[in-house]
Amino acid sequence: MIPHLRKSFNARFTSDQYRTFLGRMDERSGTHIDFRISETPCFFPGALLETMGRYGEELIGQLVNNPEYRAISEASIPAEFNVPNEDHRPLFVQVDFGLVRNAAGSLEPKLVEIQGFPSLYAYQVLLCQQYKEAFGLDSDLKFLLSGLNVDSYNSLLCKAIVGDHDPENVILMEIDPLGQKTLCDFLLTQKICGIPIVNITDVEKDGSRLYYKRGASRVPIRRIYNRAIVDELIRKGKRLSFSFRDDLEVEWAGHPNWFFRMSKFSIPNLNHPCVPRTWFLDRLGGIPSDLENYVLKPLFSFAGLGVVVGPTIADIEKIPPEKRSEYILQEKMSFVPLIETPHGPTKAEVRVAYVWLERLLPVILIIRMGRGKLMGVDHNWNMEWVGSSAGFYS
């Protein structure tokens, strides 16, 4: 999007550089990265990123500062996953934007999704650093937001995750973490913050306290950086020693209830120029005649699971009436393919990642590039110059 930077990168790119880059990513993350990384980063005008950051803050504020939404969103939390002692605000939030052209032909960001759940906070910093190093990018290009540098960013991240506890009493908790595609992020988080990675099925409960095993010892858990997705827990039928409903002597680095409150469930309740028209499926006055211009989404799936672009009447009718409250129908947006690549213009989805300690801060960009119907890396696996990417600005 910054023409001279794009032209220069494309002209200087070599396959050898890219192979070296991927090798360094594997080496420095401590594992093979099992999803596609794009050949290129993206270059954004700073003013556009400022707009996205501000829009995200406005959207988050509409939800967090609205007692009426707090009451409404209680219905979004399944009873078996309603965790006690909820924080009054989310610690981690991601706001995803796509870029479209308005009626005047100008670019503007449109909301894709909002998530009150942590993302690739550790991995993304390494990715940006390696793009810079492997491809010799201008040292003046920035990738962190809010005036942060790598040291202050890592300090902020560890403060959010570890709090005031000894790192050995704080765990990164996930379902089968060694088998997750995001293992690279877990290992980097462990390296930065010094916390153990624990399989959720290995957590032990004794009274109101939780423990994990280290050798022959049981180590008390004081705080949990939760990366376990409820949808996956249910699909895999995992049996746990504790219930999320238990009143436990533990803190959450990102309270799990915000995963539901700040999700696709939020979108029909938002009022902002950047929000596409969205309805709960059970509240539609009638099925639109132009369904090809909409997207059907389950509320709490992850990584694009269950999303149908341009659904048919049959797609809608096969959802039982009692389950339709668990879906939204959203106006489909035409993302503009702005990134010039050797394989043609490519779209970019921009995730602004926030951390909320003393104040809400946008901290880093997480970029997904694609030319498929959906932007996730799983939906662009057989293409080049797509996938996980980074955002730079000057």
Protein backbone atom coordinates (compact mmCIF):
# COMPACT_ATOMS: atom_id res chain seq x y z
CA MET A 1 0.00 0.00 0.00
CA ILE A 2 3.05 2.25 0.17
CA PRO A 3 4.00 1.95 -3.51
CA HIS A 4 7.75 2.57 -3.33
CA LEU A 5 8.20 0.07 -0.47
CA ARG A 6 6.10 -2.54 -2.27
CA LYS A 7 7.93 -2.06 -5.56
CA SER A 8 11.32 -2.24 -3.87
CA PHE A 9 10.46 -5.40 -1.90
CA ASN A 10 9.06 -7.24 -4.91
CA ALA A 11 12.06 -6.30 -7.05
CA ARG A 12 14.61 -7.51 -4.49
CA PHE A 13 12.79 -10.66 -3.33
CA THR A 14 14.49 -14.02 -3.91
CA SER A 15 13.40 -17.55 -3.10
CA ASP A 16 16.69 -18.08 -1.23
CA GLN A 17 15.85 -15.18 1.09
CA TYR A 18 12.44 -16.71 1.75
CA ARG A 19 13.87 -20.16 2.53
CA THR A 20 16.40 -18.58 4.90
CA PHE A 21 13.60 -16.60 6.53
CA LEU A 22 11.47 -19.72 7.11
CA GLY A 23 14.46 -21.59 8.52
CA ARG A 24 15.18 -18.81 10.98
CA MET A 25 11.53 -18.70 12.05
CA ASP A 26 11.59 -22.43 12.84
CA GLU A 27 14.96 -22.20 14.59
CA ARG A 28 14.14 -19.17 16.72
CA SER A 29 10.64 -20.26 17.67
CA GLY A 30 11.92 -23.70 18.69
CA THR A 31 9.61 -25.72 16.45
CA HIS A 32 8.59 -26.13 12.83
CA ILE A 33 5.84 -23.59 12.12
CA ASP A 34 2.97 -25.65 10.80
CA PHE A 35 1.06 -22.97 8.94
CA ARG A 36 1.85 -20.90 5.89
CA ILE A 37 3.90 -17.73 6.29
CA SER A 38 3.65 -15.24 3.46
CA GLU A 39 6.64 -14.35 1.33
CA THR A 40 6.02 -10.69 2.09
CA PRO A 41 5.10 -8.32 4.89
CA CYS A 42 2.61 -5.49 4.30
CA PHE A 43 3.39 -1.77 4.37
CA PHE A 44 0.61 0.47 5.69
CA PRO A 45 0.21 4.24 5.94
CA GLY A 46 0.42 5.26 9.59
CA ALA A 47 -2.80 7.32 9.34
CA LEU A 48 -4.76 4.22 8.28
CA LEU A 49 -3.46 2.25 11.26
CA GLU A 50 -4.34 5.11 13.59
CA THR A 51 -7.90 4.98 12.25
CA MET A 52 -8.12 1.24 12.82
CA GLY A 53 -6.69 1.58 16.32
CA ARG A 54 -9.23 4.27 17.18
CA TYR A 55 -12.13 2.34 15.68
CA GLY A 56 -11.14 -0.70 17.71
CA GLU A 57 -11.06 1.32 20.92
CA GLU A 58 -14.50 2.76 20.14
CA LEU A 59 -15.97 -0.69 19.50
CA ILE A 60 -14.44 -2.16 22.66
CA GLY A 61 -15.75 0.81 24.65
CA GLN A 62 -19.29 0.29 23.31
CA LEU A 63 -19.27 -3.21 24.76
CA VAL A 64 -17.30 -2.88 27.98
CA ASN A 65 -18.83 0.41 29.12
CA ASN A 66 -22.43 -0.59 28.42
CA PRO A 67 -24.29 -2.18 31.40
CA GLU A 68 -27.13 -3.12 29.06
CA TYR A 69 -24.76 -5.11 26.85
CA ARG A 70 -23.23 -6.73 29.93
CA ALA A 71 -26.70 -8.00 30.85
CA ILE A 72 -27.56 -9.07 27.28
CA SER A 73 -24.26 -10.89 26.78
CA GLU A 74 -24.80 -13.03 29.86
CA ALA A 75 -26.90 -15.20 27.55
CA SER A 76 -23.85 -15.81 25.35
CA ILE A 77 -21.97 -17.73 28.07
CA PRO A 78 -22.86 -21.46 28.24
CA ALA A 79 -23.77 -22.41 31.79
CA GLU A 80 -21.07 -25.10 31.95
CA PHE A 81 -18.38 -22.56 30.97
CA ASN A 82 -19.50 -19.57 33.04
CA VAL A 83 -16.41 -18.85 35.14
CA PRO A 84 -16.83 -17.09 38.53
CA ASN A 85 -15.03 -13.90 39.59
CA GLU A 86 -15.18 -12.26 36.19
CA ASP A 87 -12.94 -9.24 35.58
CA HIS A 88 -14.81 -6.05 34.71
CA ARG A 89 -12.90 -5.74 31.43
CA PRO A 90 -11.00 -8.03 29.04
CA LEU A 91 -7.22 -8.21 29.36
CA PHE A 92 -6.62 -9.17 25.71
CA VAL A 93 -8.72 -8.08 22.73
CA GLN A 94 -8.29 -8.52 18.98
CA VAL A 95 -10.19 -6.44 16.44
CA ASP A 96 -10.04 -7.65 12.82
CA PHE A 97 -10.54 -5.27 9.90
CA GLY A 98 -10.82 -5.68 6.16
CA LEU A 99 -10.27 -2.82 3.73
CA VAL A 100 -13.07 -1.87 1.35
CA ARG A 101 -13.83 1.04 -0.96
CA ASN A 102 -16.68 3.34 -0.01
CA ALA A 103 -19.08 5.04 -2.43
CA ALA A 104 -16.57 7.85 -2.98
CA GLY A 105 -13.85 5.35 -3.92
CA SER A 106 -11.79 5.90 -0.76
CA LEU A 107 -10.42 3.06 1.35
CA GLU A 108 -11.99 2.46 4.72
CA PRO A 109 -11.66 -0.26 7.35
CA LYS A 110 -14.64 -2.50 8.06
CA LEU A 111 -15.00 -4.76 11.07
CA VAL A 112 -14.62 -8.48 10.43
CA GLU A 113 -14.58 -9.80 13.97
CA ILE A 114 -13.82 -8.90 17.57
CA GLN A 115 -12.38 -11.34 20.13
CA GLY A 116 -11.89 -11.01 23.87
CA PHE A 117 -9.20 -13.67 23.80
CA PRO A 118 -5.40 -13.72 23.39
CA SER A 119 -3.77 -14.31 20.04
CA LEU A 120 -0.21 -14.63 18.68
CA TYR A 121 1.34 -11.94 20.88
CA ALA A 122 4.76 -13.58 21.16
CA TYR A 123 5.02 -15.12 17.68
CA GLN A 124 4.12 -11.90 15.90
CA VAL A 125 7.09 -9.98 17.29
CA LEU A 126 9.51 -12.66 16.09
CA LEU A 127 7.83 -12.68 12.69
CA CYS A 128 8.29 -8.92 12.30
CA GLN A 129 11.91 -9.08 13.45
CA GLN A 130 12.72 -11.87 11.00
CA TYR A 131 11.10 -10.11 8.05
CA LYS A 132 13.32 -7.13 8.82
CA GLU A 133 16.46 -9.22 9.20
CA ALA A 134 16.01 -11.69 6.35
CA PHE A 135 14.89 -9.16 3.74
CA GLY A 136 16.98 -6.20 4.84
CA LEU A 137 14.04 -3.88 5.47
CA ASP A 138 14.59 -0.23 6.36
CA SER A 139 15.51 0.04 10.03
CA ASP A 140 13.13 2.99 10.41
CA LEU A 141 10.08 0.85 9.67
CA LYS A 142 8.01 0.20 12.81
CA PHE A 143 5.80 -2.73 13.71
CA LEU A 144 4.86 -2.04 17.34
CA LEU A 145 2.16 0.46 18.25
CA SER A 146 1.61 2.95 21.10
CA GLY A 147 5.28 3.95 21.16
CA LEU A 148 6.42 0.51 22.32
CA ASN A 149 9.78 -1.07 21.51
CA VAL A 150 10.56 -4.77 21.80
CA ASP A 151 11.77 -4.53 25.41
CA SER A 152 8.81 -2.48 26.64
CA TYR A 153 6.42 -4.69 24.66
CA ASN A 154 7.81 -7.88 26.23
CA SER A 155 7.65 -6.26 29.66
CA LEU A 156 4.00 -5.30 29.11
CA LEU A 157 3.13 -8.78 27.83
CA CYS A 158 4.75 -10.49 30.81
CA LYS A 159 3.06 -8.13 33.25
CA ALA A 160 -0.30 -8.99 31.67
CA ILE A 161 0.35 -12.74 31.70
CA VAL A 162 2.30 -13.25 34.93
CA GLY A 163 0.91 -10.42 37.07
CA ASP A 164 2.52 -10.30 40.50
CA HIS A 165 3.23 -14.02 40.70
CA ASP A 166 6.29 -16.21 40.44
CA PRO A 167 6.35 -17.46 36.82
CA GLU A 168 6.46 -21.08 38.00
CA ASN A 169 2.96 -20.58 39.44
CA VAL A 170 1.56 -19.20 36.18
CA ILE A 171 0.73 -21.57 33.33
CA LEU A 172 -0.09 -21.29 29.65
CA MET A 173 -2.99 -23.73 29.45
CA GLU A 174 -4.07 -25.32 26.16
CA ILE A 175 -5.60 -28.52 24.79
CA ASP A 176 -2.78 -30.83 23.64
CA PRO A 177 -0.41 -27.85 23.24
CA LEU A 178 2.37 -29.84 21.56
CA GLY A 179 -0.03 -30.74 18.76
CA GLN A 180 -1.37 -27.24 18.13
CA LYS A 181 -0.37 -25.21 15.08
CA THR A 182 0.22 -22.28 17.43
CA LEU A 183 2.90 -24.17 19.41
CA CYS A 184 5.43 -21.64 18.09
CA ASP A 185 3.62 -18.88 20.00
CA PHE A 186 3.43 -21.00 23.16
CA LEU A 187 7.16 -21.72 23.12
CA LEU A 188 8.01 -18.07 22.53
CA THR A 189 5.68 -17.00 25.35
CA GLN A 190 7.42 -19.51 27.61
CA LYS A 191 10.79 -18.10 26.59
CA ILE A 192 9.77 -14.47 27.15
CA CYS A 193 7.80 -14.89 30.38
CA GLY A 194 9.37 -18.02 31.89
CA ILE A 195 6.06 -19.84 32.39
CA PRO A 196 5.36 -23.54 31.83
CA ILE A 197 3.08 -24.85 29.07
CA VAL A 198 0.50 -27.26 30.50
CA ASN A 199 -2.02 -29.52 28.83
CA ILE A 200 -5.45 -28.73 30.26
CA THR A 201 -6.04 -32.45 30.89
CA ASP A 202 -2.92 -32.57 33.10
CA VAL A 203 -4.19 -29.90 35.47
CA GLU A 204 -5.08 -31.43 38.84
CA LYS A 205 -7.66 -30.15 41.31
CA ASP A 206 -7.42 -30.44 45.09
CA GLY A 207 -10.24 -28.64 46.89
CA SER A 208 -10.41 -25.14 45.42
CA ARG A 209 -6.82 -25.18 44.17
CA LEU A 210 -5.24 -26.30 40.92
CA TYR A 211 -1.83 -27.91 40.39
CA TYR A 212 0.43 -29.14 37.61
CA LYS A 213 3.14 -31.80 37.77
CA ARG A 214 6.84 -30.96 37.47
CA GLY A 215 8.72 -34.21 37.79
CA ALA A 216 7.52 -35.81 41.00
CA SER A 217 6.33 -32.50 42.48
CA ARG A 218 2.93 -30.83 42.36
CA VAL A 219 3.23 -27.11 41.71
CA PRO A 220 0.34 -24.81 42.69
CA ILE A 221 -1.24 -22.75 39.92
CA ARG A 222 -1.95 -19.14 40.90
CA ARG A 223 -2.72 -17.67 37.47
CA ILE A 224 -3.73 -19.09 34.07
CA TYR A 225 -3.00 -17.69 30.62
CA ASN A 226 -5.81 -19.59 28.96
CA ARG A 227 -5.44 -20.56 25.29
CA ALA A 228 -7.98 -23.40 25.36
CA ILE A 229 -10.96 -22.85 23.04
CA VAL A 230 -14.27 -24.14 24.38
CA ASP A 231 -15.40 -25.23 20.91
CA GLU A 232 -12.39 -27.54 20.68
CA LEU A 233 -12.91 -28.87 24.21
CA ILE A 234 -16.43 -29.90 23.29
CA ARG A 235 -15.51 -31.35 19.88
CA LYS A 236 -12.71 -33.46 21.32
CA GLY A 237 -14.71 -34.55 24.38
CA LYS A 238 -11.90 -33.78 26.80
CA ARG A 239 -12.41 -34.84 30.43
CA LEU A 240 -11.02 -32.40 33.00
CA SER A 241 -10.29 -32.68 36.71
CA PHE A 242 -12.01 -29.34 37.29
CA SER A 243 -15.02 -27.48 36.00
CA PHE A 244 -14.86 -23.95 34.63
CA ARG A 245 -17.80 -23.24 36.96
CA ASP A 246 -15.75 -24.07 40.07
CA ASP A 247 -14.93 -21.19 42.41
CA LEU A 248 -11.18 -21.72 42.29
CA GLU A 249 -8.31 -19.96 44.02
CA VAL A 250 -6.80 -18.87 40.73
CA GLU A 251 -6.51 -15.72 38.64
CA TRP A 252 -7.09 -15.63 34.91
CA ALA A 253 -4.77 -13.75 32.55
CA GLY A 254 -7.70 -13.02 30.32
CA HIS A 255 -10.93 -14.11 32.03
CA PRO A 256 -12.60 -16.85 29.93
CA ASN A 257 -16.05 -15.23 29.98
CA TRP A 258 -14.82 -12.48 27.67
CA PHE A 259 -14.30 -15.08 24.94
CA PHE A 260 -18.10 -15.22 24.72
CA ARG A 261 -19.04 -11.64 25.59
CA MET A 262 -16.65 -10.15 23.04
CA SER A 263 -17.12 -12.34 19.98
CA LYS A 264 -19.36 -12.65 16.93
CA PHE A 265 -22.19 -12.35 19.47
CA SER A 266 -21.14 -8.71 19.92
CA ILE A 267 -21.44 -7.64 16.30
CA PRO A 268 -25.25 -7.23 16.01
CA ASN A 269 -25.09 -5.12 19.18
CA LEU A 270 -22.52 -2.65 17.82
CA ASN A 271 -23.39 0.70 16.30
CA HIS A 272 -20.49 2.11 14.30
CA PRO A 273 -19.82 3.11 10.68
CA CYS A 274 -17.20 0.37 10.36
CA VAL A 275 -19.61 -2.43 11.32
CA PRO A 276 -21.33 -4.31 8.46
CA ARG A 277 -25.01 -5.11 8.79
CA THR A 278 -25.38 -8.21 10.94
CA TRP A 279 -28.32 -10.13 12.38
CA PHE A 280 -28.76 -13.08 14.70
CA LEU A 281 -30.14 -15.82 12.48
CA ASP A 282 -33.16 -16.44 14.72
CA ARG A 283 -34.15 -12.75 14.54
CA LEU A 284 -34.27 -12.36 10.77
CA GLY A 285 -37.58 -11.01 9.56
CA GLY A 286 -37.11 -13.14 6.46
CA ILE A 287 -34.33 -14.78 4.50
CA PRO A 288 -32.78 -12.27 2.05
CA SER A 289 -33.28 -13.05 -1.63
CA ASP A 290 -29.62 -12.20 -2.37
CA LEU A 291 -27.92 -14.65 0.00
CA GLU A 292 -24.83 -14.62 -2.22
CA ASN A 293 -24.10 -11.21 -0.66
CA TYR A 294 -23.97 -12.56 2.91
CA VAL A 295 -21.85 -14.76 5.15
CA LEU A 296 -23.26 -17.27 7.62
CA LYS A 297 -21.15 -17.66 10.77
CA PRO A 298 -21.45 -19.81 13.91
CA LEU A 299 -20.95 -17.62 16.97
CA PHE A 300 -18.14 -19.40 18.78
CA SER A 301 -16.16 -21.42 16.24
CA PHE A 302 -12.51 -20.59 15.65
CA ALA A 303 -10.26 -20.37 12.57
CA GLY A 304 -13.18 -20.11 10.16
CA LEU A 305 -14.79 -23.44 11.12
CA GLY A 306 -18.40 -23.58 9.97
CA VAL A 307 -18.35 -20.26 8.10
CA VAL A 308 -20.33 -20.31 4.83
CA VAL A 309 -19.70 -17.55 2.29
CA GLY A 310 -22.76 -16.97 0.10
CA PRO A 311 -25.00 -19.50 1.87
CA THR A 312 -28.01 -21.07 0.22
CA ILE A 313 -31.51 -21.38 1.64
CA ALA A 314 -30.69 -25.05 2.19
CA ASP A 315 -27.66 -24.07 4.32
CA ILE A 316 -29.93 -22.01 6.56
CA GLU A 317 -32.82 -24.43 6.69
CA LYS A 318 -30.62 -27.32 7.81
CA ILE A 319 -29.86 -25.39 11.03
CA PRO A 320 -32.57 -26.43 13.56
CA PRO A 321 -34.72 -23.50 14.75
CA GLU A 322 -33.53 -23.96 18.33
CA LYS A 323 -29.89 -23.58 17.17
CA ARG A 324 -30.34 -20.46 15.04
CA SER A 325 -29.59 -18.15 17.95
CA GLU A 326 -26.04 -19.55 17.73
CA TYR A 327 -25.46 -18.10 14.23
CA ILE A 328 -25.23 -14.69 12.63
CA LEU A 329 -25.87 -13.61 9.07
CA GLN A 330 -23.52 -10.82 8.05
CA GLU A 331 -23.31 -8.59 5.02
CA LYS A 332 -20.42 -9.82 2.87
CA MET A 333 -17.69 -7.29 2.34
CA SER A 334 -15.61 -6.98 -0.80
CA PHE A 335 -12.06 -6.65 0.51
CA VAL A 336 -9.91 -4.70 -1.91
CA PRO A 337 -6.85 -6.66 -3.11
CA LEU A 338 -4.28 -3.96 -2.41
CA ILE A 339 -1.04 -5.88 -2.02
CA GLU A 340 0.72 -6.24 -5.36
CA THR A 341 2.45 -9.62 -5.62
CA PRO A 342 3.94 -11.74 -8.44
CA HIS A 343 0.73 -13.80 -8.25
CA GLY A 344 -1.60 -10.83 -8.59
CA PRO A 345 -3.23 -8.39 -6.18
CA THR A 346 -3.81 -9.92 -2.76
CA LYS A 347 -6.12 -9.03 0.13
CA ALA A 348 -4.99 -8.40 3.69
CA GLU A 349 -6.98 -8.70 6.90
CA VAL A 350 -5.54 -6.52 9.66
CA ARG A 351 -5.89 -7.60 13.28
CA VAL A 352 -5.17 -4.90 15.82
CA ALA A 353 -4.13 -6.63 19.05
CA TYR A 354 -4.76 -4.83 22.35
CA VAL A 355 -3.60 -5.28 25.95
CA TRP A 356 -5.66 -3.66 28.71
CA LEU A 357 -3.78 -3.09 31.95
CA GLU A 358 -3.86 0.49 33.26
CA ARG A 359 -5.37 1.58 29.94
CA LEU A 360 -6.40 -0.01 26.67
CA LEU A 361 -3.40 -0.11 24.32
CA PRO A 362 -3.15 -1.26 20.71
CA VAL A 363 0.20 -3.04 20.69
CA ILE A 364 0.85 -4.91 17.43
CA LEU A 365 -0.67 -5.87 14.06
CA ILE A 366 -1.37 -9.47 13.07
CA ILE A 367 -1.85 -9.78 9.31
CA ARG A 368 -3.42 -12.51 7.21
CA MET A 369 -3.03 -12.35 3.46
CA GLY A 370 -5.21 -14.29 1.07
CA ARG A 371 -6.88 -14.63 -2.28
CA GLY A 372 -9.44 -17.24 -1.22
CA LYS A 373 -13.01 -16.78 0.02
CA LEU A 374 -11.80 -16.67 3.62
CA MET A 375 -8.63 -15.07 4.95
CA GLY A 376 -7.40 -17.70 7.41
CA VAL A 377 -4.20 -19.54 6.53
CA ASP A 378 -6.14 -22.82 6.37
CA HIS A 379 -8.17 -21.40 3.47
CA ASN A 380 -5.17 -20.28 1.39
CA TRP A 381 -2.88 -23.27 1.85
CA ASN A 382 -2.34 -24.04 -1.85
CA MET A 383 -1.30 -20.51 -2.85
CA GLU A 384 1.86 -18.41 -2.72
CA TRP A 385 2.39 -14.92 -1.30
CA VAL A 386 -0.46 -15.51 1.16
CA GLY A 387 -0.73 -16.57 4.79
CA SER A 388 0.53 -15.22 8.10
CA SER A 389 2.20 -11.85 7.63
CA ALA A 390 3.33 -8.69 9.41
CA GLY A 391 2.42 -5.03 9.17
CA PHE A 392 5.01 -2.25 8.98
CA TYR A 393 4.63 1.52 8.92
CA SER A 394 6.93 4.52 9.08
